[in-house]
Amino acid sequence: MPLTWLILLVLAGIVNFVFSFLILKEVAGENAKVNYFEIRWQVHKHLKTYKSATRAKTGRVGSAYYGYLGSLGLLIAFALLLLNSLGR
């Protein structure tokens, strides 16, 4: 069972990385200074900027915002489930 949680954790991490990259790509188009080397910290820094920029363009919040938050929640959940299954 730990192998299943590990695979799901890695998949959620890949999905989270893709959404992070999409957010930073959109924010970079808004003339914000983005450093792709520190991608994990830059996303948290520019998340509100992405939300307001996409809302101004389309009238709605971009889908990458919700995808990022959802995949981040899944990352945390799968990490906890993996640690729980290792403790047994």
N, C-alpha and C. Protein backbone atom coordinates (compact mmCIF):
# COMPACT_ATOMS: atom_id res chain seq x y z
N MET A 1 0.80 -1.20 0.00
CA MET A 1 0.00 0.00 0.00
C MET A 1 0.85 1.27 0.00
N PRO A 2 2.01 1.28 0.67
CA PRO A 2 2.83 2.50 0.61
C PRO A 2 3.26 2.86 -0.80
N LEU A 3 3.45 1.86 -1.64
CA LEU A 3 3.84 2.13 -3.02
C LEU A 3 2.74 2.90 -3.77
N THR A 4 1.50 2.58 -3.51
CA THR A 4 0.37 3.27 -4.13
C THR A 4 0.35 4.73 -3.72
N TRP A 5 0.52 4.99 -2.42
CA TRP A 5 0.52 6.38 -1.94
C TRP A 5 1.71 7.14 -2.49
N LEU A 6 2.85 6.46 -2.63
CA LEU A 6 4.03 7.12 -3.18
C LEU A 6 3.82 7.50 -4.64
N ILE A 7 3.23 6.61 -5.41
CA ILE A 7 2.96 6.90 -6.83
C ILE A 7 1.98 8.05 -6.95
N LEU A 8 0.93 8.04 -6.13
CA LEU A 8 -0.05 9.13 -6.15
C LEU A 8 0.58 10.45 -5.71
N LEU A 9 1.49 10.39 -4.76
CA LEU A 9 2.19 11.59 -4.30
C LEU A 9 3.05 12.18 -5.42
N VAL A 10 3.75 11.33 -6.13
CA VAL A 10 4.58 11.80 -7.24
C VAL A 10 3.72 12.38 -8.36
N LEU A 11 2.61 11.73 -8.68
CA LEU A 11 1.72 12.24 -9.72
C LEU A 11 1.11 13.58 -9.33
N ALA A 12 0.71 13.72 -8.09
CA ALA A 12 0.17 15.00 -7.62
C ALA A 12 1.25 16.08 -7.65
N GLY A 13 2.48 15.71 -7.37
CA GLY A 13 3.59 16.66 -7.45
C GLY A 13 3.83 17.14 -8.87
N ILE A 14 3.73 16.24 -9.83
CA ILE A 14 3.91 16.61 -11.23
C ILE A 14 2.80 17.55 -11.68
N VAL A 15 1.57 17.22 -11.31
CA VAL A 15 0.43 18.07 -11.67
C VAL A 15 0.58 19.45 -11.02
N ASN A 16 1.01 19.49 -9.77
CA ASN A 16 1.22 20.75 -9.08
C ASN A 16 2.30 21.57 -9.76
N PHE A 17 3.36 20.93 -10.21
CA PHE A 17 4.44 21.64 -10.91
C PHE A 17 3.93 22.24 -12.22
N VAL A 18 3.11 21.51 -12.94
CA VAL A 18 2.56 22.02 -14.20
C VAL A 18 1.69 23.25 -13.95
N PHE A 19 0.83 23.19 -12.95
CA PHE A 19 0.00 24.35 -12.62
C PHE A 19 0.86 25.52 -12.14
N SER A 20 1.92 25.23 -11.41
CA SER A 20 2.84 26.28 -10.97
C SER A 20 3.46 26.99 -12.15
N PHE A 21 3.88 26.20 -13.12
CA PHE A 21 4.50 26.77 -14.31
C PHE A 21 3.50 27.62 -15.10
N LEU A 22 2.26 27.15 -15.21
CA LEU A 22 1.23 27.92 -15.91
C LEU A 22 0.95 29.25 -15.22
N ILE A 23 0.92 29.24 -13.90
CA ILE A 23 0.70 30.47 -13.15
C ILE A 23 1.84 31.44 -13.37
N LEU A 24 3.06 30.96 -13.27
CA LEU A 24 4.21 31.84 -13.46
C LEU A 24 4.31 32.36 -14.89
N LYS A 25 3.89 31.56 -15.84
CA LYS A 25 3.91 32.00 -17.24
C LYS A 25 2.92 33.16 -17.44
N GLU A 26 1.75 33.05 -16.85
CA GLU A 26 0.75 34.11 -16.95
C GLU A 26 1.21 35.38 -16.23
N VAL A 27 1.81 35.22 -15.07
CA VAL A 27 2.27 36.37 -14.30
C VAL A 27 3.44 37.06 -15.01
N ALA A 28 4.29 36.28 -15.65
CA ALA A 28 5.41 36.87 -16.39
C ALA A 28 4.90 37.72 -17.55
N GLY A 29 3.77 37.37 -18.12
CA GLY A 29 3.17 38.17 -19.18
C GLY A 29 2.60 39.47 -18.67
N GLU A 30 2.41 39.59 -17.38
CA GLU A 30 1.90 40.81 -16.75
C GLU A 30 3.03 41.72 -16.30
N ASN A 31 4.23 41.49 -16.78
CA ASN A 31 5.43 42.29 -16.48
C ASN A 31 5.85 42.21 -15.02
N ALA A 32 5.56 41.12 -14.37
CA ALA A 32 6.05 40.89 -13.01
C ALA A 32 7.40 40.18 -13.11
N LYS A 33 8.27 40.45 -12.18
CA LYS A 33 9.59 39.83 -12.19
C LYS A 33 9.48 38.41 -11.65
N VAL A 34 9.76 37.44 -12.50
CA VAL A 34 9.61 36.02 -12.13
C VAL A 34 10.95 35.33 -12.31
N ASN A 35 11.35 34.60 -11.28
CA ASN A 35 12.57 33.81 -11.32
C ASN A 35 12.17 32.34 -11.34
N TYR A 36 12.34 31.68 -12.47
CA TYR A 36 11.93 30.29 -12.60
C TYR A 36 12.81 29.33 -11.80
N PHE A 37 13.97 29.80 -11.36
CA PHE A 37 14.85 28.94 -10.59
C PHE A 37 14.23 28.61 -9.22
N GLU A 38 13.51 29.57 -8.66
CA GLU A 38 12.87 29.39 -7.36
C GLU A 38 11.37 29.21 -7.56
N ILE A 39 10.99 28.27 -8.38
CA ILE A 39 9.58 28.13 -8.80
C ILE A 39 8.64 27.88 -7.63
N ARG A 40 9.05 27.13 -6.63
CA ARG A 40 8.14 26.81 -5.53
C ARG A 40 7.77 28.05 -4.72
N TRP A 41 8.73 28.94 -4.48
CA TRP A 41 8.45 30.13 -3.68
C TRP A 41 7.80 31.22 -4.51
N GLN A 42 8.12 31.27 -5.79
CA GLN A 42 7.58 32.31 -6.65
C GLN A 42 6.07 32.16 -6.84
N VAL A 43 5.57 30.95 -6.85
CA VAL A 43 4.14 30.72 -7.04
C VAL A 43 3.37 31.31 -5.86
N HIS A 44 3.82 31.04 -4.66
CA HIS A 44 3.13 31.57 -3.48
C HIS A 44 3.18 33.10 -3.47
N LYS A 45 4.27 33.65 -3.95
CA LYS A 45 4.44 35.10 -3.98
C LYS A 45 3.49 35.75 -4.99
N HIS A 46 3.26 35.09 -6.13
CA HIS A 46 2.49 35.69 -7.21
C HIS A 46 1.08 35.12 -7.37
N LEU A 47 0.61 34.35 -6.42
CA LEU A 47 -0.71 33.72 -6.55
C LEU A 47 -1.83 34.76 -6.59
N LYS A 48 -1.76 35.78 -5.76
CA LYS A 48 -2.77 36.83 -5.77
C LYS A 48 -2.69 37.65 -7.06
N THR A 49 -1.49 37.84 -7.57
CA THR A 49 -1.33 38.57 -8.83
C THR A 49 -1.98 37.80 -9.97
N TYR A 50 -1.79 36.49 -9.99
CA TYR A 50 -2.41 35.66 -11.03
C TYR A 50 -3.93 35.73 -10.93
N LYS A 51 -4.44 35.65 -9.72
CA LYS A 51 -5.88 35.66 -9.51
C LYS A 51 -6.49 36.98 -10.00
N SER A 52 -5.87 38.09 -9.66
CA SER A 52 -6.41 39.38 -10.08
C SER A 52 -6.21 39.63 -11.58
N ALA A 53 -5.11 39.15 -12.15
CA ALA A 53 -4.85 39.34 -13.58
C ALA A 53 -5.84 38.56 -14.43
N THR A 54 -6.11 37.32 -14.06
CA THR A 54 -7.05 36.53 -14.85
C THR A 54 -8.47 37.01 -14.65
N ARG A 55 -8.79 37.50 -13.48
CA ARG A 55 -10.12 38.05 -13.24
C ARG A 55 -10.32 39.33 -14.05
N ALA A 56 -9.28 40.12 -14.20
CA ALA A 56 -9.38 41.35 -14.98
C ALA A 56 -9.53 41.05 -16.48
N LYS A 57 -8.87 39.99 -16.94
CA LYS A 57 -8.93 39.64 -18.37
C LYS A 57 -10.24 38.97 -18.76
N THR A 58 -10.65 37.99 -17.98
CA THR A 58 -11.79 37.16 -18.39
C THR A 58 -13.03 37.33 -17.53
N GLY A 59 -12.90 37.99 -16.39
CA GLY A 59 -14.02 38.13 -15.48
C GLY A 59 -14.12 36.98 -14.49
N ARG A 60 -13.27 35.97 -14.65
CA ARG A 60 -13.24 34.82 -13.74
C ARG A 60 -11.80 34.53 -13.35
N VAL A 61 -11.66 33.81 -12.27
CA VAL A 61 -10.32 33.39 -11.84
C VAL A 61 -9.87 32.26 -12.74
N GLY A 62 -8.60 32.27 -13.14
CA GLY A 62 -8.07 31.24 -14.03
C GLY A 62 -8.11 29.86 -13.41
N SER A 63 -8.23 28.86 -14.25
CA SER A 63 -8.36 27.48 -13.77
C SER A 63 -7.08 26.96 -13.12
N ALA A 64 -5.93 27.53 -13.48
CA ALA A 64 -4.69 27.08 -12.87
C ALA A 64 -4.63 27.42 -11.38
N TYR A 65 -5.34 28.45 -10.98
CA TYR A 65 -5.40 28.83 -9.57
C TYR A 65 -6.03 27.71 -8.75
N TYR A 66 -7.18 27.24 -9.20
CA TYR A 66 -7.87 26.17 -8.48
C TYR A 66 -7.13 24.83 -8.64
N GLY A 67 -6.54 24.61 -9.80
CA GLY A 67 -5.77 23.39 -10.01
C GLY A 67 -4.56 23.34 -9.10
N TYR A 68 -3.91 24.48 -8.92
CA TYR A 68 -2.75 24.55 -8.05
C TYR A 68 -3.14 24.27 -6.60
N LEU A 69 -4.20 24.93 -6.13
CA LEU A 69 -4.62 24.73 -4.75
C LEU A 69 -5.12 23.30 -4.51
N GLY A 70 -5.85 22.75 -5.49
CA GLY A 70 -6.33 21.37 -5.35
C GLY A 70 -5.20 20.36 -5.33
N SER A 71 -4.24 20.53 -6.22
CA SER A 71 -3.12 19.59 -6.26
C SER A 71 -2.22 19.76 -5.04
N LEU A 72 -2.14 20.95 -4.49
CA LEU A 72 -1.38 21.15 -3.27
C LEU A 72 -2.05 20.43 -2.10
N GLY A 73 -3.37 20.50 -2.05
CA GLY A 73 -4.10 19.76 -1.03
C GLY A 73 -3.91 18.25 -1.17
N LEU A 74 -3.93 17.78 -2.41
CA LEU A 74 -3.69 16.35 -2.64
C LEU A 74 -2.27 15.94 -2.25
N LEU A 75 -1.31 16.80 -2.51
CA LEU A 75 0.07 16.51 -2.11
C LEU A 75 0.16 16.31 -0.60
N ILE A 76 -0.45 17.21 0.13
CA ILE A 76 -0.41 17.10 1.59
C ILE A 76 -1.14 15.84 2.05
N ALA A 77 -2.31 15.57 1.48
CA ALA A 77 -3.07 14.39 1.88
C ALA A 77 -2.32 13.11 1.57
N PHE A 78 -1.75 13.00 0.37
CA PHE A 78 -1.02 11.78 0.01
C PHE A 78 0.25 11.62 0.84
N ALA A 79 0.90 12.71 1.20
CA ALA A 79 2.09 12.62 2.05
C ALA A 79 1.70 12.09 3.44
N LEU A 80 0.59 12.58 3.97
CA LEU A 80 0.15 12.09 5.27
C LEU A 80 -0.26 10.63 5.21
N LEU A 81 -0.95 10.24 4.15
CA LEU A 81 -1.35 8.84 4.00
C LEU A 81 -0.13 7.93 3.83
N LEU A 82 0.86 8.41 3.10
CA LEU A 82 2.09 7.63 2.93
C LEU A 82 2.81 7.45 4.27
N LEU A 83 2.92 8.52 5.02
CA LEU A 83 3.58 8.41 6.33
C LEU A 83 2.79 7.52 7.28
N ASN A 84 1.48 7.58 7.20
CA ASN A 84 0.64 6.73 8.04
C ASN A 84 0.81 5.25 7.66
N SER A 85 0.89 4.97 6.39
CA SER A 85 1.04 3.57 5.96
C SER A 85 2.43 3.02 6.28
N LEU A 86 3.43 3.89 6.36
CA LEU A 86 4.77 3.44 6.71
C LEU A 86 4.89 3.13 8.20
N GLY A 87 4.05 3.77 9.01
CA GLY A 87 4.10 3.57 10.45
C GLY A 87 3.48 2.28 10.92
N ARG A 88 2.81 1.57 10.05
CA ARG A 88 2.13 0.33 10.45
C ARG A 88 3.03 -0.85 10.36
